[in-house]
Amino acid sequence: MKAQMKFQKWMCLVMLIVGAIALLYAFCYMSGALSELGYTINQVGVNRVSKFFARNGYNDALLYDDIQPFNTMMMYCGIVMVLLAVVLYITACHKRRKYYISNYVATGLCAGGNIIMALILLIMNASWRGEFLKVDFDAWKRLYDNDPLLTRHYNDSTAWFDLGFAVYLLIIVASVLLILNLVWKIMLMKGEKKLLLNGELTGGETV
């Protein structure tokens, strides 16, 4: 039981950490290539950006604006993940030797909620990555080549999108481990109960 008690303590901390990582990632999501798109819009202007970028099957710099609602959704999900981890501490999932209904509910909400949110965000992030790759990068370069007075802002890296796959997969793995911790806890509680029952029966027979 000592090993499991230590593991549950660490798992509650892990869930808090991965929630914080998800929130931090949401704050940094618009960095890199997306921020360069934003700089381009601010520097050149919406009208010029819309006219300059090719429209036949490509996305333009306005993708920066289109992706904002998803970024907001990521931020809210990160906040919810942190709050669900806090619920684990409120219900004492990190230190209780015996779990009660509140602990089962808190663990289920935290693990289940994180898995659902992480899967949705993972899929949507992949979709937006695909949309970013449809940006007319040649038109973006030509925009600055044609106007040397502009400060160049260009970046076609998908690094921040790719990082999202690692972040949300990490959250899913941590959530699965939290569920396995609960299964381990249930098995040990049943074992302890059985040992106590056998001890009472043996004592009764001895007397």
N, C-alpha and C. Protein backbone atom coordinates (compact mmCIF):
# COMPACT_ATOMS: atom_id res chain seq x y z
N MET A 1 0.83 -1.21 0.00
CA MET A 1 0.00 0.00 0.00
C MET A 1 0.87 1.27 0.00
N LYS A 2 2.06 1.21 0.62
CA LYS A 2 2.92 2.39 0.68
C LYS A 2 3.32 2.86 -0.70
N ALA A 3 3.65 1.89 -1.58
CA ALA A 3 4.05 2.25 -2.94
C ALA A 3 2.91 2.93 -3.68
N GLN A 4 1.71 2.41 -3.48
CA GLN A 4 0.54 2.99 -4.16
C GLN A 4 0.23 4.38 -3.61
N MET A 5 0.36 4.56 -2.30
CA MET A 5 0.12 5.86 -1.68
C MET A 5 1.08 6.91 -2.24
N LYS A 6 2.32 6.50 -2.43
CA LYS A 6 3.31 7.41 -2.99
C LYS A 6 2.97 7.72 -4.45
N PHE A 7 2.54 6.68 -5.16
CA PHE A 7 2.20 6.85 -6.58
C PHE A 7 1.00 7.78 -6.76
N GLN A 8 -0.01 7.64 -5.91
CA GLN A 8 -1.20 8.50 -6.04
C GLN A 8 -0.85 9.95 -5.75
N LYS A 9 0.08 10.14 -4.83
CA LYS A 9 0.52 11.50 -4.50
C LYS A 9 1.20 12.14 -5.72
N TRP A 10 2.06 11.36 -6.37
CA TRP A 10 2.76 11.85 -7.55
C TRP A 10 1.81 12.07 -8.72
N MET A 11 0.82 11.19 -8.86
CA MET A 11 -0.12 11.31 -9.98
C MET A 11 -0.96 12.57 -9.87
N CYS A 12 -1.36 12.93 -8.68
CA CYS A 12 -2.13 14.17 -8.49
C CYS A 12 -1.28 15.37 -8.87
N LEU A 13 0.01 15.32 -8.50
CA LEU A 13 0.92 16.41 -8.87
C LEU A 13 1.13 16.45 -10.38
N VAL A 14 1.25 15.27 -10.99
CA VAL A 14 1.44 15.19 -12.45
C VAL A 14 0.25 15.80 -13.18
N MET A 15 -0.96 15.50 -12.72
CA MET A 15 -2.16 16.04 -13.37
C MET A 15 -2.21 17.56 -13.26
N LEU A 16 -1.73 18.08 -12.15
CA LEU A 16 -1.68 19.55 -11.98
C LEU A 16 -0.64 20.15 -12.94
N ILE A 17 0.48 19.46 -13.07
CA ILE A 17 1.56 19.94 -13.94
C ILE A 17 1.14 19.92 -15.41
N VAL A 18 0.54 18.79 -15.86
CA VAL A 18 0.17 18.71 -17.28
C VAL A 18 -0.95 19.72 -17.61
N GLY A 19 -1.82 19.98 -16.63
CA GLY A 19 -2.84 21.02 -16.83
C GLY A 19 -2.20 22.38 -17.01
N ALA A 20 -1.18 22.66 -16.20
CA ALA A 20 -0.46 23.93 -16.30
C ALA A 20 0.29 24.02 -17.62
N ILE A 21 0.83 22.89 -18.08
CA ILE A 21 1.54 22.86 -19.36
C ILE A 21 0.57 23.16 -20.51
N ALA A 22 -0.64 22.58 -20.43
CA ALA A 22 -1.65 22.83 -21.46
C ALA A 22 -2.03 24.30 -21.51
N LEU A 23 -2.15 24.91 -20.34
CA LEU A 23 -2.50 26.33 -20.27
C LEU A 23 -1.36 27.20 -20.81
N LEU A 24 -0.13 26.85 -20.44
CA LEU A 24 1.04 27.59 -20.92
C LEU A 24 1.17 27.46 -22.44
N TYR A 25 0.90 26.26 -22.94
CA TYR A 25 0.97 26.03 -24.39
C TYR A 25 -0.06 26.89 -25.12
N ALA A 26 -1.24 27.02 -24.53
CA ALA A 26 -2.29 27.85 -25.14
C ALA A 26 -1.83 29.31 -25.23
N PHE A 27 -1.15 29.79 -24.19
CA PHE A 27 -0.66 31.17 -24.18
C PHE A 27 0.44 31.38 -25.24
N CYS A 28 1.19 30.31 -25.53
CA CYS A 28 2.31 30.42 -26.47
C CYS A 28 1.95 30.01 -27.90
N TYR A 29 0.72 29.52 -28.09
CA TYR A 29 0.32 28.93 -29.37
C TYR A 29 0.46 29.90 -30.54
N MET A 30 0.18 31.17 -30.31
CA MET A 30 0.22 32.16 -31.39
C MET A 30 1.62 32.70 -31.62
N SER A 31 2.62 32.05 -31.04
CA SER A 31 4.00 32.46 -31.26
C SER A 31 4.50 31.89 -32.58
N GLY A 32 5.73 32.15 -32.89
CA GLY A 32 6.33 31.57 -34.08
C GLY A 32 5.71 32.05 -35.37
N ALA A 33 5.38 31.10 -36.25
CA ALA A 33 4.87 31.43 -37.58
C ALA A 33 3.56 32.20 -37.53
N LEU A 34 2.68 31.84 -36.59
CA LEU A 34 1.39 32.54 -36.50
C LEU A 34 1.58 34.00 -36.08
N SER A 35 2.51 34.24 -35.19
CA SER A 35 2.77 35.63 -34.78
C SER A 35 3.34 36.43 -35.95
N GLU A 36 4.12 35.76 -36.81
CA GLU A 36 4.66 36.44 -37.99
C GLU A 36 3.54 36.83 -38.95
N LEU A 37 2.54 35.97 -39.06
CA LEU A 37 1.36 36.31 -39.86
C LEU A 37 0.67 37.55 -39.28
N GLY A 38 0.57 37.57 -37.96
CA GLY A 38 -0.05 38.70 -37.29
C GLY A 38 0.73 39.99 -37.52
N TYR A 39 2.06 39.91 -37.44
CA TYR A 39 2.89 41.09 -37.70
C TYR A 39 2.70 41.58 -39.14
N THR A 40 2.56 40.63 -40.05
CA THR A 40 2.37 40.99 -41.46
C THR A 40 1.08 41.77 -41.65
N ILE A 41 0.01 41.30 -41.00
CA ILE A 41 -1.28 42.00 -41.09
C ILE A 41 -1.17 43.42 -40.53
N ASN A 42 -0.54 43.54 -39.35
CA ASN A 42 -0.41 44.85 -38.71
C ASN A 42 0.47 45.80 -39.53
N GLN A 43 1.49 45.25 -40.14
CA GLN A 43 2.44 46.07 -40.86
C GLN A 43 1.93 46.50 -42.24
N VAL A 44 1.27 45.56 -42.92
CA VAL A 44 0.85 45.79 -44.31
C VAL A 44 -0.59 46.28 -44.39
N GLY A 45 -1.42 45.79 -43.48
CA GLY A 45 -2.83 46.14 -43.53
C GLY A 45 -3.68 45.01 -44.09
N VAL A 46 -4.89 44.89 -43.58
CA VAL A 46 -5.77 43.78 -43.96
C VAL A 46 -6.09 43.81 -45.45
N ASN A 47 -6.40 44.96 -45.99
CA ASN A 47 -6.79 45.06 -47.40
C ASN A 47 -5.67 44.63 -48.34
N ARG A 48 -4.47 45.08 -48.05
CA ARG A 48 -3.35 44.75 -48.92
C ARG A 48 -2.99 43.27 -48.81
N VAL A 49 -3.06 42.75 -47.59
CA VAL A 49 -2.78 41.32 -47.38
C VAL A 49 -3.78 40.48 -48.16
N SER A 50 -5.06 40.84 -48.07
CA SER A 50 -6.11 40.07 -48.75
C SER A 50 -5.93 40.11 -50.26
N LYS A 51 -5.51 41.26 -50.80
CA LYS A 51 -5.34 41.38 -52.24
C LYS A 51 -4.09 40.69 -52.73
N PHE A 52 -3.02 40.73 -51.92
CA PHE A 52 -1.73 40.22 -52.38
C PHE A 52 -1.66 38.70 -52.36
N PHE A 53 -2.18 38.10 -51.31
CA PHE A 53 -2.11 36.64 -51.21
C PHE A 53 -3.02 35.99 -52.24
N ALA A 54 -2.55 34.88 -52.80
CA ALA A 54 -3.36 34.15 -53.79
C ALA A 54 -4.61 33.62 -53.13
N ARG A 55 -5.71 33.61 -53.84
CA ARG A 55 -7.00 33.16 -53.31
C ARG A 55 -7.42 31.81 -53.85
N ASN A 56 -6.74 31.32 -54.89
CA ASN A 56 -7.18 30.07 -55.52
C ASN A 56 -6.71 28.84 -54.75
N GLY A 57 -7.47 28.48 -53.74
CA GLY A 57 -7.16 27.26 -52.98
C GLY A 57 -6.17 27.46 -51.86
N TYR A 58 -5.69 28.68 -51.67
CA TYR A 58 -4.71 28.94 -50.62
C TYR A 58 -5.33 29.75 -49.48
N ASN A 59 -4.68 29.69 -48.33
CA ASN A 59 -5.06 30.56 -47.22
C ASN A 59 -4.14 31.78 -47.21
N ASP A 60 -4.62 32.88 -46.69
CA ASP A 60 -3.78 34.06 -46.61
C ASP A 60 -3.41 34.36 -45.16
N ALA A 61 -2.80 35.51 -44.95
CA ALA A 61 -2.34 35.87 -43.60
C ALA A 61 -3.47 36.01 -42.61
N LEU A 62 -4.70 36.16 -43.10
CA LEU A 62 -5.85 36.32 -42.21
C LEU A 62 -6.15 35.03 -41.43
N LEU A 63 -5.43 33.96 -41.73
CA LEU A 63 -5.53 32.74 -40.92
C LEU A 63 -5.23 33.05 -39.46
N TYR A 64 -4.39 34.05 -39.25
CA TYR A 64 -4.05 34.48 -37.89
C TYR A 64 -5.31 34.87 -37.11
N ASP A 65 -6.23 35.55 -37.78
CA ASP A 65 -7.48 35.94 -37.13
C ASP A 65 -8.44 34.76 -37.01
N ASP A 66 -8.45 33.91 -38.03
CA ASP A 66 -9.38 32.77 -38.04
C ASP A 66 -9.10 31.78 -36.92
N ILE A 67 -7.84 31.67 -36.53
CA ILE A 67 -7.44 30.66 -35.55
C ILE A 67 -7.61 31.14 -34.10
N GLN A 68 -7.91 32.43 -33.92
CA GLN A 68 -8.04 32.99 -32.57
C GLN A 68 -9.07 32.28 -31.70
N PRO A 69 -10.29 31.95 -32.22
CA PRO A 69 -11.27 31.25 -31.38
C PRO A 69 -10.77 29.90 -30.88
N PHE A 70 -10.01 29.19 -31.72
CA PHE A 70 -9.44 27.90 -31.29
C PHE A 70 -8.42 28.12 -30.18
N ASN A 71 -7.62 29.15 -30.30
CA ASN A 71 -6.64 29.47 -29.28
C ASN A 71 -7.32 29.79 -27.95
N THR A 72 -8.45 30.50 -28.02
CA THR A 72 -9.23 30.81 -26.82
C THR A 72 -9.79 29.53 -26.20
N MET A 73 -10.26 28.63 -27.05
CA MET A 73 -10.78 27.34 -26.59
C MET A 73 -9.68 26.55 -25.87
N MET A 74 -8.48 26.58 -26.43
CA MET A 74 -7.34 25.89 -25.79
C MET A 74 -7.08 26.46 -24.40
N MET A 75 -7.16 27.78 -24.29
CA MET A 75 -6.91 28.44 -23.01
C MET A 75 -7.95 28.01 -21.97
N TYR A 76 -9.22 28.01 -22.35
CA TYR A 76 -10.28 27.60 -21.42
C TYR A 76 -10.12 26.14 -21.00
N CYS A 77 -9.76 25.29 -21.96
CA CYS A 77 -9.55 23.87 -21.64
C CYS A 77 -8.38 23.70 -20.68
N GLY A 78 -7.34 24.50 -20.87
CA GLY A 78 -6.20 24.44 -19.95
C GLY A 78 -6.60 24.83 -18.54
N ILE A 79 -7.43 25.87 -18.43
CA ILE A 79 -7.92 26.30 -17.11
C ILE A 79 -8.74 25.20 -16.46
N VAL A 80 -9.62 24.56 -17.25
CA VAL A 80 -10.46 23.47 -16.73
C VAL A 80 -9.58 22.30 -16.27
N MET A 81 -8.54 21.99 -17.02
CA MET A 81 -7.63 20.89 -16.64
C MET A 81 -6.96 21.17 -15.30
N VAL A 82 -6.54 22.40 -15.10
CA VAL A 82 -5.92 22.77 -13.83
C VAL A 82 -6.93 22.66 -12.68
N LEU A 83 -8.15 23.14 -12.92
CA LEU A 83 -9.19 23.09 -11.88
C LEU A 83 -9.56 21.65 -11.54
N LEU A 84 -9.60 20.77 -12.54
CA LEU A 84 -9.91 19.35 -12.29
C LEU A 84 -8.81 18.71 -11.44
N ALA A 85 -7.57 19.12 -11.67
CA ALA A 85 -6.47 18.60 -10.86
C ALA A 85 -6.58 19.11 -9.42
N VAL A 86 -7.02 20.36 -9.28
CA VAL A 86 -7.22 20.93 -7.94
C VAL A 86 -8.30 20.16 -7.18
N VAL A 87 -9.33 19.70 -7.90
CA VAL A 87 -10.40 18.91 -7.28
C VAL A 87 -9.84 17.63 -6.67
N LEU A 88 -8.81 17.06 -7.30
CA LEU A 88 -8.16 15.87 -6.74
C LEU A 88 -7.61 16.16 -5.36
N TYR A 89 -7.05 17.35 -5.20
CA TYR A 89 -6.51 17.75 -3.89
C TYR A 89 -7.61 18.09 -2.90
N ILE A 90 -8.66 18.72 -3.40
CA ILE A 90 -9.78 19.07 -2.51
C ILE A 90 -10.42 17.81 -1.91
N THR A 91 -10.52 16.76 -2.72
CA THR A 91 -11.11 15.49 -2.25
C THR A 91 -10.07 14.57 -1.63
N ALA A 92 -8.84 15.08 -1.45
CA ALA A 92 -7.75 14.34 -0.79
C ALA A 92 -7.38 13.05 -1.50
N CYS A 93 -7.47 13.05 -2.83
CA CYS A 93 -7.08 11.87 -3.60
C CYS A 93 -5.58 11.59 -3.48
N HIS A 94 -4.82 12.58 -3.08
CA HIS A 94 -3.37 12.44 -3.02
C HIS A 94 -2.88 11.78 -1.73
N LYS A 95 -3.75 11.70 -0.70
CA LYS A 95 -3.26 11.20 0.58
C LYS A 95 -4.17 10.18 1.28
N ARG A 96 -5.35 9.95 0.76
CA ARG A 96 -6.26 9.03 1.43
C ARG A 96 -5.83 7.57 1.24
N ARG A 97 -5.85 6.85 2.37
CA ARG A 97 -5.55 5.43 2.31
C ARG A 97 -6.74 4.67 1.73
N LYS A 98 -7.93 5.16 2.06
CA LYS A 98 -9.15 4.54 1.56
C LYS A 98 -9.92 5.58 0.73
N TYR A 99 -10.32 5.17 -0.46
CA TYR A 99 -11.06 6.07 -1.33
C TYR A 99 -12.57 5.95 -1.09
N TYR A 100 -13.24 7.10 -1.20
CA TYR A 100 -14.70 7.15 -1.06
C TYR A 100 -15.31 7.61 -2.39
N ILE A 101 -16.62 7.76 -2.41
CA ILE A 101 -17.32 8.13 -3.65
C ILE A 101 -16.75 9.42 -4.24
N SER A 102 -16.47 10.39 -3.38
CA SER A 102 -15.94 11.67 -3.85
C SER A 102 -14.62 11.50 -4.59
N ASN A 103 -13.81 10.55 -4.13
CA ASN A 103 -12.52 10.29 -4.78
C ASN A 103 -12.71 9.64 -6.15
N TYR A 104 -13.68 8.73 -6.23
CA TYR A 104 -13.97 8.08 -7.52
C TYR A 104 -14.48 9.12 -8.53
N VAL A 105 -15.37 9.98 -8.05
CA VAL A 105 -15.95 11.00 -8.93
C VAL A 105 -14.86 11.98 -9.40
N ALA A 106 -14.02 12.44 -8.46
CA ALA A 106 -12.96 13.39 -8.80
C ALA A 106 -11.98 12.79 -9.80
N THR A 107 -11.60 11.54 -9.55
CA THR A 107 -10.66 10.86 -10.46
C THR A 107 -11.27 10.67 -11.84
N GLY A 108 -12.54 10.25 -11.86
CA GLY A 108 -13.23 10.03 -13.13
C GLY A 108 -13.37 11.32 -13.93
N LEU A 109 -13.75 12.40 -13.24
CA LEU A 109 -13.91 13.69 -13.91
C LEU A 109 -12.58 14.20 -14.45
N CYS A 110 -11.54 14.08 -13.64
CA CYS A 110 -10.23 14.58 -14.03
C CYS A 110 -9.67 13.80 -15.21
N ALA A 111 -9.63 12.48 -15.07
CA ALA A 111 -9.07 11.64 -16.13
C ALA A 111 -9.94 11.68 -17.39
N GLY A 112 -11.25 11.48 -17.21
CA GLY A 112 -12.15 11.47 -18.36
C GLY A 112 -12.20 12.82 -19.06
N GLY A 113 -12.32 13.89 -18.27
CA GLY A 113 -12.39 15.23 -18.84
C GLY A 113 -11.13 15.59 -19.61
N ASN A 114 -9.98 15.25 -19.03
CA ASN A 114 -8.71 15.55 -19.69
C ASN A 114 -8.54 14.78 -20.99
N ILE A 115 -8.93 13.50 -20.98
CA ILE A 115 -8.81 12.69 -22.19
C ILE A 115 -9.69 13.24 -23.31
N ILE A 116 -10.94 13.57 -22.97
CA ILE A 116 -11.87 14.11 -23.98
C ILE A 116 -11.36 15.44 -24.54
N MET A 117 -10.97 16.35 -23.64
CA MET A 117 -10.48 17.65 -24.10
C MET A 117 -9.21 17.51 -24.92
N ALA A 118 -8.29 16.66 -24.45
CA ALA A 118 -7.02 16.48 -25.16
C ALA A 118 -7.24 15.90 -26.56
N LEU A 119 -8.15 14.95 -26.68
CA LEU A 119 -8.43 14.35 -27.99
C LEU A 119 -9.03 15.37 -28.95
N ILE A 120 -9.99 16.16 -28.45
CA ILE A 120 -10.61 17.20 -29.29
C ILE A 120 -9.58 18.22 -29.73
N LEU A 121 -8.76 18.69 -28.80
CA LEU A 121 -7.75 19.69 -29.12
C LEU A 121 -6.68 19.12 -30.05
N LEU A 122 -6.37 17.85 -29.86
CA LEU A 122 -5.38 17.18 -30.72
C LEU A 122 -5.86 17.15 -32.17
N ILE A 123 -7.11 16.77 -32.35
CA ILE A 123 -7.70 16.69 -33.70
C ILE A 123 -7.80 18.09 -34.33
N MET A 124 -8.26 19.06 -33.54
CA MET A 124 -8.42 20.41 -34.07
C MET A 124 -7.06 21.05 -34.38
N ASN A 125 -6.07 20.76 -33.56
CA ASN A 125 -4.72 21.27 -33.81
C ASN A 125 -4.18 20.72 -35.11
N ALA A 126 -4.43 19.43 -35.36
CA ALA A 126 -3.99 18.81 -36.61
C ALA A 126 -4.68 19.47 -37.80
N SER A 127 -5.96 19.78 -37.63
CA SER A 127 -6.72 20.44 -38.69
C SER A 127 -6.17 21.83 -38.99
N TRP A 128 -5.88 22.59 -37.95
CA TRP A 128 -5.34 23.94 -38.14
C TRP A 128 -3.92 23.90 -38.69
N ARG A 129 -3.18 22.88 -38.34
CA ARG A 129 -1.84 22.71 -38.92
C ARG A 129 -1.96 22.54 -40.43
N GLY A 130 -2.94 21.73 -40.84
CA GLY A 130 -3.18 21.54 -42.27
C GLY A 130 -3.57 22.85 -42.95
N GLU A 131 -4.38 23.66 -42.26
CA GLU A 131 -4.77 24.95 -42.82
C GLU A 131 -3.57 25.88 -42.95
N PHE A 132 -2.68 25.83 -41.97
CA PHE A 132 -1.48 26.68 -42.04
C PHE A 132 -0.60 26.30 -43.23
N LEU A 133 -0.51 25.00 -43.50
CA LEU A 133 0.31 24.54 -44.62
C LEU A 133 -0.29 24.93 -45.97
N LYS A 134 -1.55 25.39 -45.96
CA LYS A 134 -2.19 25.87 -47.20
C LYS A 134 -1.95 27.36 -47.43
N VAL A 135 -1.23 27.99 -46.53
CA VAL A 135 -0.90 29.40 -46.73
C VAL A 135 -0.02 29.53 -47.98
N ASP A 136 -0.25 30.55 -48.77
CA ASP A 136 0.56 30.79 -49.97
C ASP A 136 1.87 31.44 -49.54
N PHE A 137 2.84 30.60 -49.20
CA PHE A 137 4.11 31.09 -48.68
C PHE A 137 4.89 31.88 -49.74
N ASP A 138 4.73 31.49 -51.01
CA ASP A 138 5.41 32.22 -52.09
C ASP A 138 4.89 33.66 -52.17
N ALA A 139 3.56 33.82 -52.04
CA ALA A 139 2.97 35.17 -52.06
C ALA A 139 3.43 35.97 -50.86
N TRP A 140 3.57 35.29 -49.73
CA TRP A 140 4.04 35.95 -48.51
C TRP A 140 5.45 36.50 -48.70
N LYS A 141 6.33 35.68 -49.32
CA LYS A 141 7.70 36.12 -49.58
C LYS A 141 7.71 37.29 -50.57
N ARG A 142 6.91 37.16 -51.63
CA ARG A 142 6.89 38.20 -52.66
C ARG A 142 6.42 39.55 -52.10
N LEU A 143 5.55 39.49 -51.11
CA LEU A 143 5.04 40.70 -50.48
C LEU A 143 6.19 41.55 -49.96
N TYR A 144 7.18 40.91 -49.33
CA TYR A 144 8.32 41.63 -48.78
C TYR A 144 9.39 41.90 -49.84
N ASP A 145 9.50 41.00 -50.82
CA ASP A 145 10.47 41.22 -51.90
C ASP A 145 10.11 42.46 -52.72
N ASN A 146 8.80 42.70 -52.84
CA ASN A 146 8.34 43.84 -53.64
C ASN A 146 8.38 45.17 -52.90
N ASP A 147 8.58 45.09 -51.59
CA ASP A 147 8.63 46.32 -50.79
C ASP A 147 9.76 46.21 -49.77
N PRO A 148 10.98 46.56 -50.18
CA PRO A 148 12.15 46.43 -49.30
C PRO A 148 12.11 47.33 -48.07
N LEU A 149 11.20 48.30 -48.06
CA LEU A 149 11.10 49.19 -46.91
C LEU A 149 10.41 48.52 -45.71
N LEU A 150 9.70 47.42 -45.99
CA LEU A 150 9.01 46.70 -44.92
C LEU A 150 9.98 45.83 -44.12
N THR A 151 9.76 45.74 -42.83
CA THR A 151 10.53 44.81 -42.00
C THR A 151 9.99 43.41 -42.23
N ARG A 152 10.88 42.51 -42.66
CA ARG A 152 10.42 41.18 -43.05
C ARG A 152 9.93 40.38 -41.85
N HIS A 153 8.73 39.84 -41.97
CA HIS A 153 8.18 38.91 -40.99
C HIS A 153 7.68 37.68 -41.75
N TYR A 154 8.48 36.62 -41.68
CA TYR A 154 8.14 35.40 -42.43
C TYR A 154 8.61 34.18 -41.65
N ASN A 155 7.75 33.18 -41.57
CA ASN A 155 8.10 31.95 -40.87
C ASN A 155 7.14 30.86 -41.32
N ASP A 156 7.65 29.80 -41.94
CA ASP A 156 6.78 28.72 -42.40
C ASP A 156 6.92 27.45 -41.54
N SER A 157 7.49 27.62 -40.34
CA SER A 157 7.69 26.47 -39.44
C SER A 157 6.38 26.03 -38.79
N THR A 158 6.20 24.73 -38.66
CA THR A 158 5.02 24.17 -37.98
C THR A 158 5.36 23.70 -36.55
N ALA A 159 6.48 24.19 -36.02
CA ALA A 159 6.99 23.71 -34.72
C ALA A 159 5.96 23.82 -33.60
N TRP A 160 5.25 24.97 -33.52
CA TRP A 160 4.30 25.16 -32.42
C TRP A 160 3.08 24.25 -32.59
N PHE A 161 2.69 23.97 -33.82
CA PHE A 161 1.61 23.02 -34.06
C PHE A 161 2.06 21.62 -33.64
N ASP A 162 3.29 21.26 -34.05
CA ASP A 162 3.82 19.92 -33.74
C ASP A 162 3.97 19.70 -32.24
N LEU A 163 4.34 20.75 -31.53
CA LEU A 163 4.48 20.65 -30.08
C LEU A 163 3.15 20.28 -29.43
N GLY A 164 2.06 20.72 -30.03
CA GLY A 164 0.73 20.42 -29.49
C GLY A 164 0.45 18.93 -29.43
N PHE A 165 0.95 18.18 -30.43
CA PHE A 165 0.74 16.73 -30.42
C PHE A 165 1.40 16.10 -29.19
N ALA A 166 2.61 16.58 -28.87
CA ALA A 166 3.33 16.05 -27.69
C ALA A 166 2.61 16.42 -26.40
N VAL A 167 2.14 17.68 -26.32
CA VAL A 167 1.47 18.16 -25.12
C VAL A 167 0.20 17.37 -24.84
N TYR A 168 -0.65 17.21 -25.85
CA TYR A 168 -1.94 16.55 -25.63
C TYR A 168 -1.81 15.04 -25.49
N LEU A 169 -0.82 14.46 -26.13
CA LEU A 169 -0.56 13.02 -25.93
C LEU A 169 -0.05 12.78 -24.50
N LEU A 170 0.75 13.70 -24.00
CA LEU A 170 1.25 13.62 -22.62
C LEU A 170 0.09 13.67 -21.64
N ILE A 171 -0.88 14.53 -21.89
CA ILE A 171 -2.05 14.65 -21.03
C ILE A 171 -2.87 13.36 -21.05
N ILE A 172 -3.02 12.77 -22.23
CA ILE A 172 -3.76 11.52 -22.35
C ILE A 172 -3.07 10.39 -21.59
N VAL A 173 -1.74 10.30 -21.74
CA VAL A 173 -0.97 9.26 -21.03
C VAL A 173 -1.10 9.45 -19.53
N ALA A 174 -0.97 10.69 -19.05
CA ALA A 174 -1.09 10.97 -17.62
C ALA A 174 -2.47 10.60 -17.10
N SER A 175 -3.50 10.87 -17.89
CA SER A 175 -4.88 10.56 -17.49
C SER A 175 -5.10 9.06 -17.41
N VAL A 176 -4.52 8.32 -18.35
CA VAL A 176 -4.63 6.86 -18.32
C VAL A 176 -3.94 6.32 -17.07
N LEU A 177 -2.78 6.88 -16.73
CA LEU A 177 -2.06 6.46 -15.53
C LEU A 177 -2.88 6.76 -14.27
N LEU A 178 -3.61 7.86 -14.29
CA LEU A 178 -4.47 8.21 -13.15
C LEU A 178 -5.58 7.17 -12.99
N ILE A 179 -6.12 6.70 -14.10
CA ILE A 179 -7.15 5.65 -14.06
C ILE A 179 -6.55 4.35 -13.55
N LEU A 180 -5.35 4.01 -14.03
CA LEU A 180 -4.68 2.79 -13.56
C LEU A 180 -4.36 2.88 -12.07
N ASN A 181 -4.04 4.07 -11.60
CA ASN A 181 -3.82 4.28 -10.17
C ASN A 181 -5.09 3.96 -9.37
N LEU A 182 -6.23 4.38 -9.92
CA LEU A 182 -7.51 4.10 -9.25
C LEU A 182 -7.78 2.60 -9.20
N VAL A 183 -7.49 1.91 -10.30
CA VAL A 183 -7.67 0.45 -10.36
C VAL A 183 -6.77 -0.22 -9.33
N TRP A 184 -5.53 0.24 -9.26
CA TRP A 184 -4.56 -0.29 -8.29
C TRP A 184 -5.08 -0.06 -6.88
N LYS A 185 -5.61 1.12 -6.64
CA LYS A 185 -6.14 1.47 -5.31
C LYS A 185 -7.30 0.55 -4.93
N ILE A 186 -8.20 0.31 -5.87
CA ILE A 186 -9.36 -0.54 -5.60
C ILE A 186 -8.92 -1.96 -5.26
N MET A 187 -7.95 -2.47 -6.02
CA MET A 187 -7.44 -3.82 -5.78
C MET A 187 -6.82 -3.94 -4.40
N LEU A 188 -6.04 -2.94 -4.00
CA LEU A 188 -5.40 -2.97 -2.68
C LEU A 188 -6.42 -2.84 -1.56
N MET A 189 -7.44 -2.01 -1.77
CA MET A 189 -8.49 -1.85 -0.74
C MET A 189 -9.25 -3.15 -0.56
N LYS A 190 -9.53 -3.84 -1.65
CA LYS A 190 -10.21 -5.13 -1.57
C LYS A 190 -9.33 -6.15 -0.86
N GLY A 191 -8.03 -6.09 -1.16
CA GLY A 191 -7.09 -7.00 -0.50
C GLY A 191 -7.02 -6.76 0.99
N GLU A 192 -6.97 -5.49 1.39
CA GLU A 192 -6.93 -5.14 2.81
C GLU A 192 -8.21 -5.58 3.53
N LYS A 193 -9.32 -5.37 2.86
CA LYS A 193 -10.61 -5.75 3.44
C LYS A 193 -10.68 -7.26 3.65
N LYS A 194 -10.15 -7.98 2.67
CA LYS A 194 -10.15 -9.44 2.76
C LYS A 194 -9.25 -9.92 3.89
N LEU A 195 -8.09 -9.27 4.05
CA LEU A 195 -7.17 -9.63 5.12
C LEU A 195 -7.79 -9.35 6.49
N LEU A 196 -8.45 -8.22 6.62
CA LEU A 196 -9.11 -7.89 7.89
C LEU A 196 -10.22 -8.87 8.21
N LEU A 197 -10.95 -9.27 7.18
CA LEU A 197 -12.05 -10.23 7.35
C LEU A 197 -11.51 -11.58 7.79
N ASN A 198 -10.43 -12.01 7.15
CA ASN A 198 -9.82 -13.30 7.51
C ASN A 198 -9.26 -13.27 8.91
N GLY A 199 -8.72 -12.09 9.29
CA GLY A 199 -8.16 -11.95 10.64
C GLY A 199 -9.25 -12.06 11.69
N GLU A 200 -10.44 -11.47 11.43
CA GLU A 200 -11.56 -11.54 12.36
C GLU A 200 -12.08 -12.96 12.47
N LEU A 201 -12.15 -13.67 11.36
CA LEU A 201 -12.64 -15.04 11.38
C LEU A 201 -11.70 -15.96 12.15
N THR A 202 -10.38 -15.75 11.91
CA THR A 202 -9.38 -16.57 12.59
C THR A 202 -9.44 -16.32 14.08
N GLY A 203 -9.58 -15.04 14.43
CA GLY A 203 -9.65 -14.70 15.85
C GLY A 203 -10.85 -15.33 16.50
N GLY A 204 -11.96 -15.38 15.76
CA GLY A 204 -13.19 -15.95 16.31
C GLY A 204 -13.06 -17.42 16.52
N GLU A 205 -12.37 -18.08 15.58
CA GLU A 205 -12.20 -19.52 15.67
C GLU A 205 -11.27 -19.88 16.80
N THR A 206 -10.25 -19.05 17.03
CA THR A 206 -9.27 -19.33 18.09
C THR A 206 -9.95 -19.28 19.46
N VAL A 207 -10.79 -18.23 19.60
CA VAL A 207 -11.49 -18.11 20.88
C VAL A 207 -12.43 -19.28 21.04
